[in-house]
Amino acid sequence: MSKDRAPSPLPTAPMEGVDESTWLDVIQKMDEVYTRLIDDEVELEKKNSELEQSQQFIFSVLSAMSDVLIVCDERGLIEQTNAALCELVGRREDQLRGTSLADLLADEASVLAARTAMDRSEAPRGGQGIELNLLDRQGQPVPVDANCTPRVGANGKRLGTVWVGRPTAELKRAYHEMRAAHEALKRTQQQLLHSEKMASLGQLVAGVAHELNNPISFVLGNVHALSKYSERLRSYIAAFHAHQPEALLQQQREKLRIDHLLADLPSLIDGTLEGAQRTADIVHGLKRFSAMDPEERKPVNLVEVIERAIHWVQKGRPAPVPVRWVPLQACTVLGSAGQLQQVMMNLLQNAFDALSTVPEPMVWVEMGCTGEPDRPTVCVTVRDNGPGIPPEHLLRIFDPFFTTKPVGKGTGLGLSISYGIVEQHGGRLTARNTEGGGAEFVLELPRA
């Protein structure tokens, strides 16, 4: 920017003692001073324009802030705010300027906390977090997560405090909603887990009925025998109390076979107790499997879990499938016996279902130890000689509700829930096809 320079005035008449060259020097100096003034004016206008742009930038930033901003002097009087605070409290900035920060606070605890932060002589440069309650436009308290930062001048002297806060009411409400949704999801997951377990349990009803029939029939037969024995004992005791002659008592004893009866009683009683105990064990195992599992983890003998799973799944089949089971002598993991049994039963059930059209079906269950010496891992593989898993299904085999079984034959939740159970136990469940054909599921769990 430049301005036209007016011609320098020339004297109309020469002055005594001053020649023309002197006047020319004076005029030249005046021109230089005038030019410098013009340049300074242009520079000043440039600086003013830059300052105005900076002010507009700062104003736009403050207006765009979603967090509330309060700038106070050393006495706690408000010097500047932003649009977010004005919107929250329902007052203009010119109305807030010069008022005390305490007038915006909803309770004495907030006033005391703010005053303590502003009076702190060695406040951290990064600021300190404080929870305050501001009064909104309706006069209701609004929780704010505020950061108090000292404002220092060029000489190092503290000039006041800068407050930046974010209302947390929405965050807290969102947190509570998320927490409630999480709890509902956990309950739904537990219900799905239990539903899948009951579905697996339903498949075992026929096998369980057959399993219970043997000991119950045994107990029933023994009770009938005991009932007949009791009638014979009653007849013999009645004759004894009638004081019949010794010869008649001996004849009655031989007729009723009392000696054989007495010799047979211990085995009848033992057999009855054994059958009743076997029935109780079966019922106890079913109750333990179908019951809702607690959250705590306990040492579990994985060998017993696998053997129970093989036993129950075999009993639920119309025709048993040969299983080659190679266990370890002892293997203990930390977890839930019922949940781990559910995983094993699901893997075995899937393997048996895949063999429905195989002429000579076979399932292999093997155990082994892998991992580092300080973190041993037990590895259980369940392998069959069926058609295997189609390659396009391998990546989706653990997806919820994904199933290759006909409608009504599977829910698509078994493997998904099993995968989640294994993850909760700190393990891993994978699936693959073997080179010789058939599918193989690998279960890895940390040893206790």
Protein backbone atom coordinates (compact mmCIF):
# COMPACT_ATOMS: atom_id res chain seq x y z
CA MET A 1 0.00 0.00 0.00
CA SER A 2 1.40 3.44 -0.91
CA LYS A 3 0.29 7.01 -0.97
CA ASP A 4 1.14 9.82 -3.42
CA ARG A 5 3.71 12.09 -2.00
CA ALA A 6 2.99 15.80 -2.13
CA PRO A 7 5.69 17.97 -3.67
CA SER A 8 8.07 19.48 -1.17
CA PRO A 9 7.47 23.21 -0.74
CA LEU A 10 10.30 25.39 -2.03
CA PRO A 11 11.13 28.69 -0.45
CA THR A 12 9.92 31.65 -2.49
CA ALA A 13 12.84 33.77 -1.57
CA PRO A 14 16.38 32.91 -0.59
CA MET A 15 17.31 33.39 3.03
CA GLU A 16 20.44 35.22 4.04
CA GLY A 17 23.39 32.98 4.83
CA VAL A 18 21.75 29.86 3.36
CA ASP A 19 22.77 28.80 -0.06
CA GLU A 20 20.81 26.64 -2.44
CA SER A 21 22.77 23.44 -1.69
CA THR A 22 21.77 23.62 1.94
CA TRP A 23 18.14 23.90 1.01
CA LEU A 24 18.46 20.87 -1.23
CA ASP A 25 19.92 18.83 1.66
CA VAL A 26 17.03 19.86 3.90
CA ILE A 27 14.49 18.94 1.29
CA GLN A 28 16.15 15.55 0.78
CA LYS A 29 16.05 14.81 4.52
CA MET A 30 12.38 15.79 4.65
CA ASP A 31 11.68 13.43 1.78
CA GLU A 32 13.43 10.56 3.60
CA VAL A 33 11.49 11.21 6.81
CA TYR A 34 8.22 11.44 4.94
CA THR A 35 8.96 8.18 3.08
CA ARG A 36 9.78 6.44 6.35
CA LEU A 37 6.50 7.64 7.84
CA ILE A 38 4.59 6.29 4.87
CA ASP A 39 6.39 2.90 5.15
CA ASP A 40 5.70 2.75 8.90
CA GLU A 41 2.05 3.50 8.27
CA VAL A 42 1.84 0.70 5.69
CA GLU A 43 3.57 -1.72 8.08
CA LEU A 44 1.24 -0.68 10.89
CA GLU A 45 -1.79 -1.32 8.75
CA LYS A 46 -0.36 -4.73 7.84
CA LYS A 47 0.22 -5.60 11.50
CA ASN A 48 -3.31 -4.44 12.37
CA SER A 49 -4.72 -6.68 9.63
CA GLU A 50 -2.70 -9.67 10.88
CA LEU A 51 -3.78 -8.95 14.45
CA GLU A 52 -7.41 -8.76 13.38
CA GLN A 53 -7.07 -12.08 11.56
CA SER A 54 -5.47 -13.65 14.65
CA GLN A 55 -8.28 -12.34 16.80
CA GLN A 56 -10.85 -13.73 14.37
CA PHE A 57 -9.06 -17.09 14.40
CA ILE A 58 -8.94 -17.22 18.19
CA PHE A 59 -12.60 -16.19 18.38
CA SER A 60 -13.62 -18.88 15.87
CA VAL A 61 -11.66 -21.51 17.84
CA LEU A 62 -13.25 -20.47 21.13
CA SER A 63 -16.68 -20.45 19.53
CA ALA A 64 -16.17 -23.93 18.06
CA MET A 65 -15.04 -25.47 21.37
CA SER A 66 -17.57 -27.90 22.81
CA ASP A 67 -15.82 -27.70 26.21
CA VAL A 68 -16.57 -24.73 28.41
CA LEU A 69 -13.79 -22.13 28.86
CA ILE A 70 -13.40 -19.63 31.68
CA VAL A 71 -10.45 -17.24 32.05
CA CYS A 72 -10.17 -15.69 35.52
CA ASP A 73 -7.83 -13.14 37.05
CA GLU A 74 -5.94 -13.75 40.26
CA ARG A 75 -9.03 -12.80 42.30
CA GLY A 76 -11.26 -15.31 40.53
CA LEU A 77 -13.14 -12.73 38.46
CA ILE A 78 -14.10 -13.79 34.96
CA GLU A 79 -12.20 -12.05 32.15
CA GLN A 80 -13.27 -14.16 29.18
CA THR A 81 -15.49 -17.12 28.33
CA ASN A 82 -16.58 -18.97 25.23
CA ALA A 83 -19.88 -19.73 23.52
CA ALA A 84 -20.15 -23.19 25.12
CA LEU A 85 -20.23 -21.72 28.63
CA CYS A 86 -22.67 -18.98 27.62
CA GLU A 87 -24.94 -21.62 26.12
CA LEU A 88 -24.71 -23.76 29.26
CA VAL A 89 -25.45 -21.02 31.81
CA GLY A 90 -27.80 -19.01 29.58
CA ARG A 91 -25.93 -15.67 29.92
CA ARG A 92 -23.99 -13.51 27.47
CA GLU A 93 -20.24 -13.00 27.74
CA ASP A 94 -20.58 -9.31 28.58
CA GLN A 95 -22.89 -10.30 31.45
CA LEU A 96 -20.36 -12.80 32.76
CA ARG A 97 -17.27 -10.61 32.40
CA GLY A 98 -16.24 -9.17 35.77
CA THR A 99 -18.39 -11.56 37.85
CA SER A 100 -16.95 -14.13 40.22
CA LEU A 101 -16.43 -17.72 39.21
CA ALA A 102 -18.13 -18.72 42.47
CA ASP A 103 -21.41 -17.29 41.13
CA LEU A 104 -21.48 -20.05 38.51
CA LEU A 105 -20.91 -22.88 40.97
CA ALA A 106 -23.80 -24.90 42.36
CA ASP A 107 -22.55 -25.86 45.83
CA GLU A 108 -20.09 -24.98 48.55
CA ALA A 109 -17.92 -28.01 47.84
CA SER A 110 -17.34 -26.81 44.27
CA VAL A 111 -16.59 -23.26 45.48
CA LEU A 112 -14.07 -24.57 48.01
CA ALA A 113 -12.41 -26.86 45.44
CA ALA A 114 -12.13 -24.04 42.88
CA ARG A 115 -10.75 -21.57 45.42
CA THR A 116 -8.19 -24.11 46.65
CA ALA A 117 -7.01 -24.72 43.09
CA MET A 118 -6.71 -20.98 42.31
CA ASP A 119 -4.87 -20.25 45.57
CA ARG A 120 -2.38 -23.03 45.07
CA SER A 121 1.03 -21.39 44.83
CA GLU A 122 2.76 -24.18 42.90
CA ALA A 123 0.10 -25.30 40.47
CA PRO A 124 1.33 -27.75 37.82
CA ARG A 125 1.79 -26.33 34.34
CA GLY A 126 -0.22 -29.24 32.95
CA GLY A 127 -3.11 -28.33 35.23
CA GLN A 128 -5.04 -30.38 37.73
CA GLY A 129 -8.34 -32.15 37.31
CA ILE A 130 -11.26 -31.11 39.51
CA GLU A 131 -14.91 -32.12 39.49
CA LEU A 132 -17.19 -29.12 39.77
CA ASN A 133 -20.93 -28.56 39.63
CA LEU A 134 -22.00 -25.60 37.48
CA LEU A 135 -25.43 -23.99 37.45
CA ASP A 136 -27.15 -24.30 34.08
CA ARG A 137 -29.71 -21.94 32.59
CA GLN A 138 -32.49 -23.60 34.65
CA GLY A 139 -30.46 -23.29 37.86
CA GLN A 140 -29.82 -27.04 38.01
CA PRO A 141 -26.37 -28.44 38.91
CA VAL A 142 -24.41 -29.86 35.99
CA PRO A 143 -21.34 -32.03 36.77
CA VAL A 144 -18.24 -30.83 34.92
CA ASP A 145 -14.85 -32.49 34.68
CA ALA A 146 -12.66 -29.35 34.81
CA ASN A 147 -8.96 -28.72 34.35
CA CYS A 148 -7.41 -25.81 36.23
CA THR A 149 -4.26 -24.33 34.62
CA PRO A 150 -2.32 -21.28 35.88
CA ARG A 151 -1.99 -18.29 33.50
CA VAL A 152 1.48 -16.74 33.77
CA GLY A 153 2.70 -13.42 32.35
CA ALA A 154 5.95 -12.63 30.57
CA ASN A 155 7.64 -11.80 33.88
CA GLY A 156 6.70 -15.21 35.33
CA LYS A 157 4.07 -13.77 37.64
CA ARG A 158 0.78 -15.57 37.89
CA LEU A 159 -1.98 -13.50 36.30
CA GLY A 160 -4.90 -15.80 36.89
CA THR A 161 -6.38 -19.19 36.01
CA VAL A 162 -7.73 -20.87 32.90
CA TRP A 163 -10.57 -23.34 33.40
CA VAL A 164 -11.49 -25.87 30.70
CA GLY A 165 -14.32 -28.25 31.53
CA ARG A 166 -16.47 -30.86 29.89
CA PRO A 167 -19.99 -31.59 31.17
CA THR A 168 -20.08 -35.23 32.19
CA ALA A 169 -23.82 -35.75 32.58
CA GLU A 170 -24.15 -37.18 29.07
CA LEU A 171 -21.00 -39.25 29.54
CA LYS A 172 -22.24 -40.65 32.82
CA ARG A 173 -25.64 -41.42 31.36
CA ALA A 174 -23.98 -43.10 28.37
CA TYR A 175 -21.73 -45.03 30.74
CA HIS A 176 -24.67 -46.25 32.81
CA GLU A 177 -26.53 -47.23 29.64
CA MET A 178 -23.47 -49.05 28.35
CA ARG A 179 -23.06 -50.80 31.69
CA ALA A 180 -26.70 -51.85 31.71
CA ALA A 181 -26.37 -53.10 28.13
CA HIS A 182 -23.24 -55.01 29.11
CA GLU A 183 -25.03 -56.68 32.02
CA ALA A 184 -27.96 -57.54 29.76
CA LEU A 185 -25.54 -58.99 27.22
CA LYS A 186 -23.89 -61.09 29.92
CA ARG A 187 -27.29 -62.39 31.05
CA THR A 188 -28.25 -63.17 27.45
CA GLN A 189 -24.95 -64.93 26.87
CA GLN A 190 -25.47 -67.02 30.01
CA GLN A 191 -29.00 -67.86 28.87
CA LEU A 192 -27.71 -68.89 25.45
CA LEU A 193 -25.04 -70.98 27.10
CA HIS A 194 -27.59 -72.69 29.30
CA SER A 195 -30.03 -73.14 26.40
CA GLU A 196 -27.38 -74.82 24.30
CA LYS A 197 -26.47 -77.01 27.25
CA MET A 198 -30.10 -78.03 27.68
CA ALA A 199 -30.32 -78.75 23.95
CA SER A 200 -27.32 -81.04 24.29
CA LEU A 201 -28.90 -82.57 27.36
CA GLY A 202 -32.10 -83.23 25.41
CA GLN A 203 -30.15 -85.30 22.90
CA LEU A 204 -29.05 -87.58 25.72
CA VAL A 205 -32.50 -88.41 27.08
CA ALA A 206 -32.77 -91.75 25.29
CA GLY A 207 -29.30 -92.82 26.35
CA VAL A 208 -29.88 -91.66 29.90
CA ALA A 209 -33.14 -93.62 30.10
CA HIS A 210 -31.29 -96.74 29.03
CA GLU A 211 -28.46 -95.94 31.44
CA LEU A 212 -30.87 -95.57 34.33
CA ASN A 213 -32.88 -98.65 33.37
CA ASN A 214 -30.06 -101.10 34.19
CA PRO A 215 -29.42 -100.13 37.83
CA ILE A 216 -33.10 -99.50 38.51
CA SER A 217 -34.05 -102.93 37.12
CA PHE A 218 -31.30 -104.49 39.20
CA VAL A 219 -32.54 -102.75 42.35
CA LEU A 220 -36.13 -103.71 41.56
CA GLY A 221 -35.22 -107.40 41.14
CA ASN A 222 -33.26 -107.40 44.39
CA VAL A 223 -36.16 -105.78 46.25
CA HIS A 224 -38.54 -108.48 44.99
CA ALA A 225 -36.10 -111.14 46.20
CA LEU A 226 -35.78 -109.41 49.56
CA SER A 227 -39.56 -109.28 49.84
CA LYS A 228 -39.80 -113.08 49.36
CA TYR A 229 -36.94 -113.62 51.80
CA SER A 230 -38.72 -111.51 54.40
CA GLU A 231 -41.89 -113.70 54.12
CA ARG A 232 -39.83 -116.87 54.64
CA LEU A 233 -38.01 -115.32 57.60
CA ARG A 234 -41.33 -114.24 59.10
CA SER A 235 -42.71 -117.82 58.85
CA TYR A 236 -39.58 -119.29 60.41
CA ILE A 237 -39.53 -116.75 63.27
CA ALA A 238 -43.24 -117.39 63.94
CA ALA A 239 -42.55 -121.15 64.25
CA PHE A 240 -39.61 -120.42 66.51
CA HIS A 241 -41.71 -118.26 68.82
CA ALA A 242 -44.44 -120.94 68.88
CA HIS A 243 -41.91 -123.19 70.69
CA GLN A 244 -42.27 -125.99 68.18
CA PRO A 245 -40.10 -129.05 68.67
CA GLU A 246 -36.51 -128.89 67.46
CA ALA A 247 -37.18 -131.49 64.77
CA LEU A 248 -40.05 -129.47 63.30
CA LEU A 249 -37.93 -126.27 63.45
CA GLN A 250 -35.13 -128.03 61.58
CA GLN A 251 -37.59 -129.32 59.02
CA GLN A 252 -39.05 -125.83 58.61
CA ARG A 253 -35.54 -124.36 58.31
CA GLU A 254 -34.68 -126.73 55.48
CA LYS A 255 -38.01 -126.23 53.74
CA LEU A 256 -37.69 -122.43 53.78
CA ARG A 257 -33.97 -122.64 52.86
CA ILE A 258 -33.08 -120.28 55.67
CA ASP A 259 -29.34 -121.02 55.45
CA HIS A 260 -29.28 -120.16 51.73
CA LEU A 261 -31.37 -117.06 52.43
CA LEU A 262 -28.95 -115.86 55.09
CA ALA A 263 -25.97 -116.46 52.83
CA ASP A 264 -27.62 -114.58 49.94
CA LEU A 265 -28.75 -111.55 51.95
CA PRO A 266 -25.34 -109.71 52.00
CA SER A 267 -24.95 -109.92 48.22
CA LEU A 268 -28.56 -108.78 47.69
CA ILE A 269 -28.07 -105.81 50.00
CA ASP A 270 -24.72 -104.90 48.41
CA GLY A 271 -26.18 -105.17 44.92
CA THR A 272 -29.14 -103.00 45.86
CA LEU A 273 -26.87 -100.37 47.36
CA GLU A 274 -24.64 -100.49 44.31
CA GLY A 275 -27.58 -100.02 41.94
CA ALA A 276 -28.98 -97.19 44.03
CA GLN A 277 -25.57 -95.51 44.15
CA ARG A 278 -25.18 -95.92 40.39
CA THR A 279 -28.57 -94.28 39.85
CA ALA A 280 -27.64 -91.46 42.21
CA ASP A 281 -24.35 -90.93 40.35
CA ILE A 282 -26.15 -90.71 37.00
CA VAL A 283 -28.68 -88.21 38.34
CA HIS A 284 -25.94 -86.21 40.04
CA GLY A 285 -23.94 -86.07 36.81
CA LEU A 286 -26.98 -84.84 34.88
CA LYS A 287 -27.74 -82.20 37.51
CA ARG A 288 -24.14 -81.04 37.51
CA PHE A 289 -24.13 -80.76 33.74
CA SER A 290 -27.48 -78.98 33.43
CA ALA A 291 -27.02 -76.59 36.36
CA MET A 292 -25.98 -72.98 35.81
CA ASP A 293 -22.24 -72.75 36.36
CA PRO A 294 -20.84 -70.25 38.88
CA GLU A 295 -18.23 -67.69 37.87
CA GLU A 296 -15.43 -69.01 40.07
CA ARG A 297 -12.82 -71.33 38.64
CA LYS A 298 -11.73 -74.53 40.40
CA PRO A 299 -9.18 -77.26 39.64
CA VAL A 300 -10.76 -79.72 37.19
CA ASN A 301 -9.51 -83.16 36.22
CA LEU A 302 -9.75 -82.89 32.45
CA VAL A 303 -9.36 -86.66 31.98
CA GLU A 304 -12.54 -87.30 33.97
CA VAL A 305 -14.37 -84.55 32.06
CA ILE A 306 -13.48 -86.11 28.70
CA GLU A 307 -14.41 -89.61 29.86
CA ARG A 308 -17.80 -88.40 31.09
CA ALA A 309 -18.38 -86.59 27.81
CA ILE A 310 -17.55 -89.69 25.76
CA HIS A 311 -19.80 -91.81 27.97
CA TRP A 312 -22.81 -89.50 27.76
CA VAL A 313 -22.57 -88.81 24.04
CA GLN A 314 -22.22 -92.52 23.30
CA LYS A 315 -25.28 -93.28 25.42
CA GLY A 316 -27.29 -90.74 23.43
CA ARG A 317 -26.51 -92.39 20.09
CA PRO A 318 -28.79 -95.04 18.57
CA ALA A 319 -25.64 -96.94 17.58
CA PRO A 320 -22.31 -96.38 19.35
CA VAL A 321 -19.35 -95.02 17.36
CA PRO A 322 -15.90 -96.47 18.08
CA VAL A 323 -13.77 -93.96 19.98
CA ARG A 324 -10.02 -94.34 20.43
CA TRP A 325 -9.26 -92.43 23.60
CA VAL A 326 -5.64 -91.89 24.63
CA PRO A 327 -5.58 -89.97 27.94
CA LEU A 328 -2.77 -88.70 30.11
CA GLN A 329 -2.38 -90.19 33.56
CA ALA A 330 -3.33 -86.94 35.27
CA CYS A 331 -4.16 -83.54 33.86
CA THR A 332 -5.64 -80.68 35.88
CA VAL A 333 -6.85 -77.35 34.51
CA LEU A 334 -8.47 -74.38 36.21
CA GLY A 335 -12.05 -73.76 35.21
CA SER A 336 -15.62 -75.00 35.27
CA ALA A 337 -16.13 -78.74 34.94
CA GLY A 338 -19.66 -78.34 33.57
CA GLN A 339 -18.63 -75.84 30.89
CA LEU A 340 -15.61 -77.86 29.80
CA GLN A 341 -17.76 -81.00 29.62
CA GLN A 342 -20.19 -79.05 27.45
CA VAL A 343 -17.35 -78.14 25.08
CA MET A 344 -16.15 -81.75 24.82
CA MET A 345 -19.68 -83.08 24.33
CA ASN A 346 -20.28 -80.58 21.56
CA LEU A 347 -17.05 -81.50 19.76
CA LEU A 348 -17.83 -85.22 20.07
CA GLN A 349 -21.45 -84.74 18.99
CA ASN A 350 -20.35 -82.85 15.87
CA ALA A 351 -17.81 -85.56 15.07
CA PHE A 352 -20.43 -88.32 15.46
CA ASP A 353 -22.94 -86.39 13.32
CA ALA A 354 -20.34 -86.04 10.55
CA LEU A 355 -19.96 -89.84 10.44
CA SER A 356 -23.60 -90.68 9.77
CA THR A 357 -22.86 -91.76 6.18
CA VAL A 358 -19.38 -93.23 6.72
CA PRO A 359 -19.27 -97.07 6.42
CA GLU A 360 -16.57 -97.55 9.07
CA PRO A 361 -16.77 -94.53 11.39
CA MET A 362 -14.03 -93.77 13.88
CA VAL A 363 -13.27 -90.93 16.28
CA TRP A 364 -9.88 -90.29 17.86
CA VAL A 365 -9.51 -88.32 21.10
CA GLU A 366 -5.94 -87.61 22.17
CA MET A 367 -4.23 -85.53 24.86
CA GLY A 368 -0.76 -84.07 25.00
CA CYS A 369 1.28 -81.34 26.68
CA THR A 370 2.80 -78.40 24.80
CA GLY A 371 3.99 -74.88 25.58
CA GLU A 372 6.89 -73.49 27.58
CA PRO A 373 8.07 -75.23 30.78
CA ASP A 374 6.86 -72.31 32.91
CA ARG A 375 3.51 -72.17 31.09
CA PRO A 376 2.51 -75.74 30.21
CA THR A 377 -0.51 -76.22 27.99
CA VAL A 378 -2.70 -79.29 27.58
CA CYS A 379 -3.78 -80.05 24.02
CA VAL A 380 -6.87 -82.16 23.26
CA THR A 381 -7.64 -83.17 19.68
CA VAL A 382 -10.92 -84.63 18.47
CA ARG A 383 -10.55 -86.12 14.99
CA ASP A 384 -12.91 -88.12 12.78
CA ASN A 385 -12.67 -89.90 9.44
CA GLY A 386 -15.67 -88.15 7.94
CA PRO A 387 -15.87 -85.93 4.85
CA GLY A 388 -14.26 -82.96 6.63
CA ILE A 389 -15.24 -79.28 6.67
CA PRO A 390 -15.76 -77.52 3.31
CA PRO A 391 -12.96 -74.94 2.83
CA GLU A 392 -15.46 -72.11 2.41
CA HIS A 393 -16.92 -72.93 5.84
CA LEU A 394 -13.67 -73.08 7.81
CA LEU A 395 -13.57 -69.33 8.42
CA ARG A 396 -17.20 -69.27 9.60
CA ILE A 397 -17.29 -72.48 11.59
CA PHE A 398 -17.34 -70.62 14.94
CA ASP A 399 -19.77 -67.87 13.87
CA PRO A 400 -23.01 -67.72 15.89
CA PHE A 401 -26.02 -69.38 14.20
CA PHE A 402 -23.87 -70.77 11.37
CA THR A 403 -24.64 -74.43 10.76
CA THR A 404 -24.39 -76.88 7.89
CA LYS A 405 -26.99 -79.20 9.40
CA PRO A 406 -30.56 -79.38 8.05
CA VAL A 407 -33.23 -77.15 9.54
CA GLY A 408 -34.30 -78.46 12.93
CA LYS A 409 -31.10 -80.48 13.43
CA GLY A 410 -28.85 -77.74 14.77
CA THR A 411 -28.98 -74.23 16.21
CA GLY A 412 -25.58 -73.04 15.02
CA LEU A 413 -24.68 -72.02 18.58
CA GLY A 414 -22.78 -75.05 19.82
CA LEU A 415 -19.35 -74.29 18.38
CA SER A 416 -19.75 -70.55 18.90
CA ILE A 417 -20.54 -71.00 22.59
CA SER A 418 -17.78 -73.58 22.94
CA TYR A 419 -15.34 -71.10 21.41
CA GLY A 420 -16.40 -68.45 23.94
CA ILE A 421 -16.09 -70.88 26.86
CA VAL A 422 -12.56 -71.85 25.84
CA GLU A 423 -11.57 -68.18 25.50
CA GLN A 424 -12.94 -67.47 28.98
CA HIS A 425 -10.72 -70.27 30.26
CA GLY A 426 -7.66 -68.64 28.70
CA GLY A 427 -7.41 -71.25 25.96
CA ARG A 428 -7.88 -71.59 22.23
CA LEU A 429 -10.16 -73.68 20.00
CA THR A 430 -9.29 -74.21 16.33
CA ALA A 431 -10.60 -76.34 13.48
CA ARG A 432 -8.89 -77.78 10.41
CA ASN A 433 -9.04 -80.63 7.93
CA THR A 434 -6.53 -83.45 8.17
CA GLU A 435 -4.49 -84.70 5.23
CA GLY A 436 -6.03 -88.15 5.35
CA GLY A 437 -9.55 -86.75 5.34
CA GLY A 438 -11.89 -85.80 8.15
CA ALA A 439 -12.07 -82.82 10.49
CA GLU A 440 -9.94 -82.15 13.53
CA PHE A 441 -10.72 -79.78 16.40
CA VAL A 442 -7.84 -78.75 18.66
CA LEU A 443 -8.56 -77.58 22.20
CA GLU A 444 -5.69 -75.89 24.09
CA LEU A 445 -5.99 -75.01 27.78
CA PRO A 446 -3.41 -73.82 30.32
CA ARG A 447 -2.62 -76.44 32.93
CA ALA A 448 -3.28 -75.60 36.53
